[in-house]
């Protein structure tokens, strides 16, 4: 067997035929062929690595973002409660100072009495008296349904407004929903699946308390001509609607702020 050997140092070396003893195999490939195979292997390896990196599955996760958003909401709610408590404390101090100043003269005493009545009308004073408690809650069958049909099994903001308007029509003196006092600037509306009262997020069950005359309110609550939608949901889908009368109903004071844009000072009525 013979092998060709290159002679010279240039790219076109001369080939010399070398005879090998019988039964012997070539020991190695030419150095140029080794280098070519090595380069080809490197290129192939880099190509496969780049393609693998491009096609490697990437699974994004929003769990951290959702948790941060939830924590931000909780922090804002805690701050809101703290601010409400501060407002209540400051109003209590102001009321105390006004009562002490009113003791100086008969005129101030008269003004203080008028101011106190206006504070009660504005909902700034907690009240206690006989009245009614109306409880609204989602249906117990809500967990068994999904999709748009689930809307039929939950309490909506307009159900709360219907009950509140009926209580006002019956002469209720004060009303609250889940410890949120209703005043003339109160709004009840829905944001997604959340009911907002006085810009405070509430969740079911919704407990509506009202102080008022039972003889005037009860005929309205029991009249089938009123609260038709709510009565239908309670009968057909199990939405909970419960009315309880009590000799003592506690209504808290309003702890929010008043957003008055167009009011101005007027003369004091005699």
C-alpha atoms as a PDB file:
ATOM      1  CA  UNK A   1       0.000   0.000   0.000  1.00  0.00           C
ATOM      2  CA  UNK A   2       1.238   3.535  -0.761  1.00  0.00           C
ATOM      3  CA  UNK A   3       0.468   7.004   0.626  1.00  0.00           C
ATOM      4  CA  UNK A   4       0.962  10.357  -1.000  1.00  0.00           C
ATOM      5  CA  UNK A   5       3.194  12.668   0.989  1.00  0.00           C
ATOM      6  CA  UNK A   6       3.389  16.423   0.373  1.00  0.00           C
ATOM      7  CA  UNK A   7       6.727  18.076  -0.147  1.00  0.00           C
ATOM      8  CA  UNK A   8       7.482  21.730   0.172  1.00  0.00           C
ATOM      9  CA  UNK A   9       5.887  24.526   2.239  1.00  0.00           C
ATOM     10  CA  UNK A  10       3.567  26.170  -0.323  1.00  0.00           C
ATOM     11  CA  UNK A  11      -0.071  25.526  -0.928  1.00  0.00           C
ATOM     12  CA  UNK A  12       0.697  23.399  -3.966  1.00  0.00           C
ATOM     13  CA  UNK A  13       3.144  20.926  -2.504  1.00  0.00           C
ATOM     14  CA  UNK A  14       4.380  18.051  -4.584  1.00  0.00           C
ATOM     15  CA  UNK A  15       3.045  14.633  -3.756  1.00  0.00           C
ATOM     16  CA  UNK A  16       5.409  11.749  -3.108  1.00  0.00           C
ATOM     17  CA  UNK A  17       4.150   8.198  -3.118  1.00  0.00           C
ATOM     18  CA  UNK A  18       5.297   6.326  -0.012  1.00  0.00           C
ATOM     19  CA  UNK A  19       5.030   2.610   0.129  1.00  0.00           C
ATOM     20  CA  UNK A  20       3.895   1.002   3.345  1.00  0.00           C
ATOM     21  CA  UNK A  21       4.620  -2.461   4.423  1.00  0.00           C
ATOM     22  CA  UNK A  22       1.986  -5.035   3.692  1.00  0.00           C
ATOM     23  CA  UNK A  23      -0.766  -5.117   6.347  1.00  0.00           C
ATOM     24  CA  UNK A  24      -0.060  -1.580   7.667  1.00  0.00           C
ATOM     25  CA  UNK A  25      -2.765   1.215   7.698  1.00  0.00           C
ATOM     26  CA  UNK A  26      -2.235   4.970   7.417  1.00  0.00           C
ATOM     27  CA  UNK A  27      -1.649   6.536  10.779  1.00  0.00           C
ATOM     28  CA  UNK A  28      -3.503   9.866  10.232  1.00  0.00           C
ATOM     29  CA  UNK A  29      -5.082  12.174   7.679  1.00  0.00           C
ATOM     30  CA  UNK A  30      -3.216  15.069   6.254  1.00  0.00           C
ATOM     31  CA  UNK A  31      -3.077  18.146   8.534  1.00  0.00           C
ATOM     32  CA  UNK A  32      -5.081  20.244   6.052  1.00  0.00           C
ATOM     33  CA  UNK A  33      -7.897  17.694   6.057  1.00  0.00           C
ATOM     34  CA  UNK A  34      -7.905  17.628   9.894  1.00  0.00           C
ATOM     35  CA  UNK A  35      -8.250  21.409  10.022  1.00  0.00           C
ATOM     36  CA  UNK A  36     -11.101  21.385   7.522  1.00  0.00           C
ATOM     37  CA  UNK A  37     -13.007  18.753   9.509  1.00  0.00           C
ATOM     38  CA  UNK A  38     -12.445  20.698  12.741  1.00  0.00           C
ATOM     39  CA  UNK A  39     -13.777  23.921  11.229  1.00  0.00           C
ATOM     40  CA  UNK A  40     -16.791  22.141   9.780  1.00  0.00           C
ATOM     41  CA  UNK A  41     -17.559  20.623  13.188  1.00  0.00           C
ATOM     42  CA  UNK A  42     -17.326  24.030  14.906  1.00  0.00           C
ATOM     43  CA  UNK A  43     -19.640  25.685  12.369  1.00  0.00           C
ATOM     44  CA  UNK A  44     -22.174  22.859  12.702  1.00  0.00           C
ATOM     45  CA  UNK A  45     -22.049  23.046  16.525  1.00  0.00           C
ATOM     46  CA  UNK A  46     -22.553  26.843  16.553  1.00  0.00           C
ATOM     47  CA  UNK A  47     -25.453  26.576  14.120  1.00  0.00           C
ATOM     48  CA  UNK A  48     -27.218  23.969  16.248  1.00  0.00           C
ATOM     49  CA  UNK A  49     -26.618  25.998  19.424  1.00  0.00           C
ATOM     50  CA  UNK A  50     -28.098  29.183  17.906  1.00  0.00           C
ATOM     51  CA  UNK A  51     -31.142  27.328  16.585  1.00  0.00           C
ATOM     52  CA  UNK A  52     -31.699  25.647  19.968  1.00  0.00           C
ATOM     53  CA  UNK A  53     -31.552  28.990  21.759  1.00  0.00           C
ATOM     54  CA  UNK A  54     -34.027  30.542  19.314  1.00  0.00           C
ATOM     55  CA  UNK A  55     -36.515  27.701  19.650  1.00  0.00           C
ATOM     56  CA  UNK A  56     -36.113  27.193  23.406  1.00  0.00           C
ATOM     57  CA  UNK A  57     -39.557  27.688  24.952  1.00  0.00           C
ATOM     58  CA  UNK A  58     -39.985  30.809  27.057  1.00  0.00           C
ATOM     59  CA  UNK A  59     -42.841  30.772  29.469  1.00  0.00           C
ATOM     60  CA  UNK A  60     -43.541  34.251  30.800  1.00  0.00           C
ATOM     61  CA  UNK A  61     -45.066  34.531  34.246  1.00  0.00           C
ATOM     62  CA  UNK A  62     -47.189  37.396  35.501  1.00  0.00           C
ATOM     63  CA  UNK A  63     -47.516  36.041  39.030  1.00  0.00           C
ATOM     64  CA  UNK A  64     -45.077  38.597  40.408  1.00  0.00           C
ATOM     65  CA  UNK A  65     -46.825  41.519  38.686  1.00  0.00           C
ATOM     66  CA  UNK A  66     -50.229  40.382  39.911  1.00  0.00           C
ATOM     67  CA  UNK A  67     -48.950  40.063  43.471  1.00  0.00           C
ATOM     68  CA  UNK A  68     -47.403  43.533  43.349  1.00  0.00           C
ATOM     69  CA  UNK A  69     -50.667  44.981  42.021  1.00  0.00           C
ATOM     70  CA  UNK A  70     -52.675  43.206  44.725  1.00  0.00           C
ATOM     71  CA  UNK A  71     -50.306  44.474  47.415  1.00  0.00           C
ATOM     72  CA  UNK A  72     -50.614  48.009  46.036  1.00  0.00           C
ATOM     73  CA  UNK A  73     -54.424  47.774  46.232  1.00  0.00           C
ATOM     74  CA  UNK A  74     -54.251  46.501  49.807  1.00  0.00           C
ATOM     75  CA  UNK A  75     -51.845  49.291  50.763  1.00  0.00           C
ATOM     76  CA  UNK A  76     -54.150  51.941  49.263  1.00  0.00           C
ATOM     77  CA  UNK A  77     -57.115  50.488  51.131  1.00  0.00           C
ATOM     78  CA  UNK A  78     -55.180  50.572  54.405  1.00  0.00           C
ATOM     79  CA  UNK A  79     -54.245  54.177  53.768  1.00  0.00           C
ATOM     80  CA  UNK A  80     -57.868  55.000  52.958  1.00  0.00           C
ATOM     81  CA  UNK A  81     -59.033  53.528  56.268  1.00  0.00           C
ATOM     82  CA  UNK A  82     -56.359  55.469  58.153  1.00  0.00           C
ATOM     83  CA  UNK A  83     -57.389  58.716  56.458  1.00  0.00           C
ATOM     84  CA  UNK A  84     -61.038  58.076  57.289  1.00  0.00           C
ATOM     85  CA  UNK A  85     -60.125  57.500  60.928  1.00  0.00           C
ATOM     86  CA  UNK A  86     -58.146  60.753  60.950  1.00  0.00           C
ATOM     87  CA  UNK A  87     -61.074  62.629  59.409  1.00  0.00           C
ATOM     88  CA  UNK A  88     -63.428  61.200  62.037  1.00  0.00           C
ATOM     89  CA  UNK A  89     -61.052  62.186  64.861  1.00  0.00           C
ATOM     90  CA  UNK A  90     -60.614  65.710  63.516  1.00  0.00           C
ATOM     91  CA  UNK A  91     -64.338  66.159  63.119  1.00  0.00           C
ATOM     92  CA  UNK A  92     -64.876  64.911  66.658  1.00  0.00           C
ATOM     93  CA  UNK A  93     -62.345  67.448  67.954  1.00  0.00           C
ATOM     94  CA  UNK A  94     -63.996  70.207  65.907  1.00  0.00           C
ATOM     95  CA  UNK A  95     -67.424  69.312  67.252  1.00  0.00           C
ATOM     96  CA  UNK A  96     -66.091  69.338  70.800  1.00  0.00           C
ATOM     97  CA  UNK A  97     -64.512  72.754  70.298  1.00  0.00           C
ATOM     98  CA  UNK A  98     -67.747  74.091  68.818  1.00  0.00           C
ATOM     99  CA  UNK A  99     -69.783  72.767  71.751  1.00  0.00           C
ATOM    100  CA  UNK A 100     -67.423  74.393  74.260  1.00  0.00           C
ATOM    101  CA  UNK A 101     -67.535  77.726  72.416  1.00  0.00           C
ATOM    102  CA  UNK A 102     -71.326  77.614  72.279  1.00  0.00           C
ATOM    103  CA  UNK A 103     -71.544  77.657  76.083  1.00  0.00           C
ATOM    104  CA  UNK A 104     -70.322  81.240  76.268  1.00  0.00           C
ATOM    105  CA  UNK A 105     -73.484  83.006  75.133  1.00  0.00           C
ATOM    106  CA  UNK A 106     -77.122  82.233  74.418  1.00  0.00           C
ATOM    107  CA  UNK A 107     -76.596  83.143  70.771  1.00  0.00           C
ATOM    108  CA  UNK A 108     -73.788  80.690  70.407  1.00  0.00           C
ATOM    109  CA  UNK A 109     -75.919  78.048  72.127  1.00  0.00           C
ATOM    110  CA  UNK A 110     -78.700  78.611  69.611  1.00  0.00           C
ATOM    111  CA  UNK A 111     -76.278  78.427  66.716  1.00  0.00           C
ATOM    112  CA  UNK A 112     -74.762  75.277  68.183  1.00  0.00           C
ATOM    113  CA  UNK A 113     -78.189  73.601  68.327  1.00  0.00           C
ATOM    114  CA  UNK A 114     -78.860  74.508  64.724  1.00  0.00           C
ATOM    115  CA  UNK A 115     -75.434  73.276  63.714  1.00  0.00           C
ATOM    116  CA  UNK A 116     -76.019  69.972  65.501  1.00  0.00           C
ATOM    117  CA  UNK A 117     -79.292  69.478  63.639  1.00  0.00           C
ATOM    118  CA  UNK A 118     -77.539  70.185  60.380  1.00  0.00           C
ATOM    119  CA  UNK A 119     -74.787  67.758  61.307  1.00  0.00           C
ATOM    120  CA  UNK A 120     -77.417  65.070  61.866  1.00  0.00           C
ATOM    121  CA  UNK A 121     -79.036  65.846  58.530  1.00  0.00           C
ATOM    122  CA  UNK A 122     -75.634  65.697  56.847  1.00  0.00           C
ATOM    123  CA  UNK A 123     -74.926  62.300  58.413  1.00  0.00           C
ATOM    124  CA  UNK A 124     -71.999  63.451  60.548  1.00  0.00           C
ATOM    125  CA  UNK A 125     -73.509  62.134  63.784  1.00  0.00           C
ATOM    126  CA  UNK A 126     -74.054  58.428  64.604  1.00  0.00           C
ATOM    127  CA  UNK A 127     -77.704  57.578  65.251  1.00  0.00           C
ATOM    128  CA  UNK A 128     -79.557  54.805  67.081  1.00  0.00           C
ATOM    129  CA  UNK A 129     -83.223  53.926  66.906  1.00  0.00           C
ATOM    130  CA  UNK A 130     -85.847  51.384  65.806  1.00  0.00           C
ATOM    131  CA  UNK A 131     -85.764  50.323  62.221  1.00  0.00           C
ATOM    132  CA  UNK A 132     -85.139  47.573  59.699  1.00  0.00           C
ATOM    133  CA  UNK A 133     -82.186  45.464  58.531  1.00  0.00           C
ATOM    134  CA  UNK A 134     -82.192  44.219  54.923  1.00  0.00           C
ATOM    135  CA  UNK A 135     -79.587  41.583  53.982  1.00  0.00           C
ATOM    136  CA  UNK A 136     -78.701  40.834  50.356  1.00  0.00           C
ATOM    137  CA  UNK A 137     -76.265  38.110  49.347  1.00  0.00           C
ATOM    138  CA  UNK A 138     -75.255  36.116  46.272  1.00  0.00           C
ATOM    139  CA  UNK A 139     -76.981  32.827  45.597  1.00  0.00           C
ATOM    140  CA  UNK A 140     -75.582  29.691  47.189  1.00  0.00           C
ATOM    141  CA  UNK A 141     -75.745  28.096  43.707  1.00  0.00           C
ATOM    142  CA  UNK A 142     -73.257  30.597  42.253  1.00  0.00           C
ATOM    143  CA  UNK A 143     -70.370  28.110  42.478  1.00  0.00           C
ATOM    144  CA  UNK A 144     -72.224  25.730  40.165  1.00  0.00           C
ATOM    145  CA  UNK A 145     -72.525  28.147  37.238  1.00  0.00           C
ATOM    146  CA  UNK A 146     -70.060  30.049  35.090  1.00  0.00           C
ATOM    147  CA  UNK A 147     -69.948  32.451  32.193  1.00  0.00           C
ATOM    148  CA  UNK A 148     -72.588  35.130  31.536  1.00  0.00           C
ATOM    149  CA  UNK A 149     -75.194  33.077  33.367  1.00  0.00           C
ATOM    150  CA  UNK A 150     -73.403  33.741  36.668  1.00  0.00           C
ATOM    151  CA  UNK A 151     -74.641  37.356  36.553  1.00  0.00           C
ATOM    152  CA  UNK A 152     -78.118  36.069  37.412  1.00  0.00           C
ATOM    153  CA  UNK A 153     -76.931  34.627  40.717  1.00  0.00           C
ATOM    154  CA  UNK A 154     -75.225  37.677  42.233  1.00  0.00           C
ATOM    155  CA  UNK A 155     -76.334  40.925  43.854  1.00  0.00           C
ATOM    156  CA  UNK A 156     -75.787  43.973  41.635  1.00  0.00           C
ATOM    157  CA  UNK A 157     -75.430  47.647  42.442  1.00  0.00           C
ATOM    158  CA  UNK A 158     -78.915  48.455  41.123  1.00  0.00           C
ATOM    159  CA  UNK A 159     -80.431  45.998  43.608  1.00  0.00           C
ATOM    160  CA  UNK A 160     -78.865  48.025  46.426  1.00  0.00           C
ATOM    161  CA  UNK A 161     -80.064  51.293  44.912  1.00  0.00           C
ATOM    162  CA  UNK A 162     -83.621  49.949  44.575  1.00  0.00           C
ATOM    163  CA  UNK A 163     -83.764  48.939  48.243  1.00  0.00           C
ATOM    164  CA  UNK A 164     -82.211  52.215  49.432  1.00  0.00           C
ATOM    165  CA  UNK A 165     -84.601  54.337  47.355  1.00  0.00           C
ATOM    166  CA  UNK A 166     -87.547  52.380  48.723  1.00  0.00           C
ATOM    167  CA  UNK A 167     -86.357  52.984  52.287  1.00  0.00           C
ATOM    168  CA  UNK A 168     -85.969  56.715  51.630  1.00  0.00           C
ATOM    169  CA  UNK A 169     -89.472  56.741  50.159  1.00  0.00           C
ATOM    170  CA  UNK A 170     -90.727  55.121  53.366  1.00  0.00           C
ATOM    171  CA  UNK A 171     -89.356  57.983  55.455  1.00  0.00           C
ATOM    172  CA  UNK A 172     -86.106  56.426  56.685  1.00  0.00           C
ATOM    173  CA  UNK A 173     -84.126  58.896  58.784  1.00  0.00           C
ATOM    174  CA  UNK A 174     -80.695  57.326  58.275  1.00  0.00           C
ATOM    175  CA  UNK A 175     -79.335  54.441  56.153  1.00  0.00           C
ATOM    176  CA  UNK A 176     -76.033  52.603  55.991  1.00  0.00           C
ATOM    177  CA  UNK A 177     -74.629  49.770  53.867  1.00  0.00           C
ATOM    178  CA  UNK A 178     -71.946  47.619  55.484  1.00  0.00           C
ATOM    179  CA  UNK A 179     -71.122  50.446  57.939  1.00  0.00           C
ATOM    180  CA  UNK A 180     -70.959  53.077  55.156  1.00  0.00           C
ATOM    181  CA  UNK A 181     -73.348  55.937  55.998  1.00  0.00           C
ATOM    182  CA  UNK A 182     -75.401  57.172  53.061  1.00  0.00           C
ATOM    183  CA  UNK A 183     -75.536  60.945  52.604  1.00  0.00           C
ATOM    184  CA  UNK A 184     -76.771  63.233  49.833  1.00  0.00           C
ATOM    185  CA  UNK A 185     -73.482  62.849  47.924  1.00  0.00           C
ATOM    186  CA  UNK A 186     -73.300  59.056  48.224  1.00  0.00           C
ATOM    187  CA  UNK A 187     -72.969  57.053  45.023  1.00  0.00           C
ATOM    188  CA  UNK A 188     -73.577  53.319  44.619  1.00  0.00           C
ATOM    189  CA  UNK A 189     -72.031  51.874  41.490  1.00  0.00           C
ATOM    190  CA  UNK A 190     -70.316  48.776  40.182  1.00  0.00           C
ATOM    191  CA  UNK A 191     -66.704  48.435  39.028  1.00  0.00           C
ATOM    192  CA  UNK A 192     -66.292  44.990  37.485  1.00  0.00           C
ATOM    193  CA  UNK A 193     -67.515  42.562  40.114  1.00  0.00           C
ATOM    194  CA  UNK A 194     -67.070  45.073  42.965  1.00  0.00           C
ATOM    195  CA  UNK A 195     -69.720  47.412  44.405  1.00  0.00           C
ATOM    196  CA  UNK A 196     -68.449  50.832  45.462  1.00  0.00           C
ATOM    197  CA  UNK A 197     -70.239  52.920  48.111  1.00  0.00           C
ATOM    198  CA  UNK A 198     -68.731  56.295  49.043  1.00  0.00           C
ATOM    199  CA  UNK A 199     -65.678  55.242  46.968  1.00  0.00           C
ATOM    200  CA  UNK A 200     -65.224  52.294  49.352  1.00  0.00           C
ATOM    201  CA  UNK A 201     -65.116  48.760  47.983  1.00  0.00           C
ATOM    202  CA  UNK A 202     -67.785  46.487  49.487  1.00  0.00           C
ATOM    203  CA  UNK A 203     -68.372  42.762  49.109  1.00  0.00           C
ATOM    204  CA  UNK A 204     -71.373  40.551  49.862  1.00  0.00           C
ATOM    205  CA  UNK A 205     -73.256  39.980  52.026  1.00  0.00           C
ATOM    206  CA  UNK A 206     -74.616  43.533  51.898  1.00  0.00           C
ATOM    207  CA  UNK A 207     -76.302  44.582  55.150  1.00  0.00           C
ATOM    208  CA  UNK A 208     -78.542  47.629  54.747  1.00  0.00           C
ATOM    209  CA  UNK A 209     -79.602  49.246  58.033  1.00  0.00           C
ATOM    210  CA  UNK A 210     -82.237  51.952  58.250  1.00  0.00           C
ATOM    211  CA  UNK A 211     -83.834  53.881  61.114  1.00  0.00           C
ATOM    212  CA  UNK A 212     -87.463  54.691  60.497  1.00  0.00           C
ATOM    213  CA  UNK A 213     -91.153  54.073  61.152  1.00  0.00           C
ATOM    214  CA  UNK A 214     -92.073  50.424  60.566  1.00  0.00           C
ATOM    215  CA  UNK A 215     -95.683  51.263  59.732  1.00  0.00           C
ATOM    216  CA  UNK A 216     -94.501  53.338  56.782  1.00  0.00           C
ATOM    217  CA  UNK A 217     -91.606  51.187  55.559  1.00  0.00           C
ATOM    218  CA  UNK A 218     -92.991  47.660  55.930  1.00  0.00           C
ATOM    219  CA  UNK A 219     -95.871  48.061  53.414  1.00  0.00           C
ATOM    220  CA  UNK A 220     -93.339  49.119  50.773  1.00  0.00           C
ATOM    221  CA  UNK A 221     -90.954  46.228  51.419  1.00  0.00           C
ATOM    222  CA  UNK A 222     -93.750  43.653  51.317  1.00  0.00           C
ATOM    223  CA  UNK A 223     -95.559  45.124  48.309  1.00  0.00           C
ATOM    224  CA  UNK A 224     -94.933  42.850  45.259  1.00  0.00           C
ATOM    225  CA  UNK A 225     -95.171  45.892  42.992  1.00  0.00           C
ATOM    226  CA  UNK A 226     -91.785  47.065  44.316  1.00  0.00           C
ATOM    227  CA  UNK A 227     -88.375  45.366  44.013  1.00  0.00           C
ATOM    228  CA  UNK A 228     -89.748  43.164  41.223  1.00  0.00           C
ATOM    229  CA  UNK A 229     -86.322  42.318  39.775  1.00  0.00           C
ATOM    230  CA  UNK A 230     -84.865  41.449  43.178  1.00  0.00           C
ATOM    231  CA  UNK A 231     -87.833  39.268  44.143  1.00  0.00           C
ATOM    232  CA  UNK A 232     -87.549  37.427  40.811  1.00  0.00           C
ATOM    233  CA  UNK A 233     -83.815  36.766  41.316  1.00  0.00           C
ATOM    234  CA  UNK A 234     -84.488  35.514  44.842  1.00  0.00           C
ATOM    235  CA  UNK A 235     -87.181  33.101  43.647  1.00  0.00           C
ATOM    236  CA  UNK A 236     -85.615  31.873  40.412  1.00  0.00           C
ATOM    237  CA  UNK A 237     -81.883  31.918  41.179  1.00  0.00           C
ATOM    238  CA  UNK A 238     -81.623  31.825  44.955  1.00  0.00           C
ATOM    239  CA  UNK A 239     -80.341  35.375  45.495  1.00  0.00           C
ATOM    240  CA  UNK A 240     -80.725  35.957  49.225  1.00  0.00           C
ATOM    241  CA  UNK A 241     -83.147  38.693  50.317  1.00  0.00           C
ATOM    242  CA  UNK A 242     -83.935  38.896  54.043  1.00  0.00           C
ATOM    243  CA  UNK A 243     -85.804  41.564  56.039  1.00  0.00           C
ATOM    244  CA  UNK A 244     -85.519  41.838  59.844  1.00  0.00           C
ATOM    245  CA  UNK A 245     -87.089  44.421  62.149  1.00  0.00           C
ATOM    246  CA  UNK A 246     -85.249  45.587  65.287  1.00  0.00           C
ATOM    247  CA  UNK A 247     -85.929  47.917  68.211  1.00  0.00           C
ATOM    248  CA  UNK A 248     -82.391  49.255  68.025  1.00  0.00           C
ATOM    249  CA  UNK A 249     -80.526  49.858  64.795  1.00  0.00           C
ATOM    250  CA  UNK A 250     -77.109  51.556  64.932  1.00  0.00           C
ATOM    251  CA  UNK A 251     -76.113  53.816  62.053  1.00  0.00           C
ATOM    252  CA  UNK A 252     -72.499  55.093  62.017  1.00  0.00           C
ATOM    253  CA  UNK A 253     -71.484  58.621  61.113  1.00  0.00           C
ATOM    254  CA  UNK A 254     -70.302  59.446  57.615  1.00  0.00           C
ATOM    255  CA  UNK A 255     -66.483  59.251  57.499  1.00  0.00           C
ATOM    256  CA  UNK A 256     -65.837  60.396  53.941  1.00  0.00           C
ATOM    257  CA  UNK A 257     -65.401  63.846  52.409  1.00  0.00           C
ATOM    258  CA  UNK A 258     -67.926  66.143  50.756  1.00  0.00           C
ATOM    259  CA  UNK A 259     -67.337  67.182  47.158  1.00  0.00           C
ATOM    260  CA  UNK A 260     -69.311  70.414  46.898  1.00  0.00           C
ATOM    261  CA  UNK A 261     -68.568  72.396  43.744  1.00  0.00           C
ATOM    262  CA  UNK A 262     -71.453  74.803  43.259  1.00  0.00           C
ATOM    263  CA  UNK A 263     -72.636  75.630  46.810  1.00  0.00           C
ATOM    264  CA  UNK A 264     -72.158  79.021  48.465  1.00  0.00           C
ATOM    265  CA  UNK A 265     -72.879  80.516  51.852  1.00  0.00           C
ATOM    266  CA  UNK A 266     -76.448  81.667  52.397  1.00  0.00           C
ATOM    267  CA  UNK A 267     -78.425  83.518  55.019  1.00  0.00           C
ATOM    268  CA  UNK A 268     -79.394  81.723  58.218  1.00  0.00           C
ATOM    269  CA  UNK A 269     -83.127  81.019  58.358  1.00  0.00           C
ATOM    270  CA  UNK A 270     -84.928  82.315  61.459  1.00  0.00           C
END
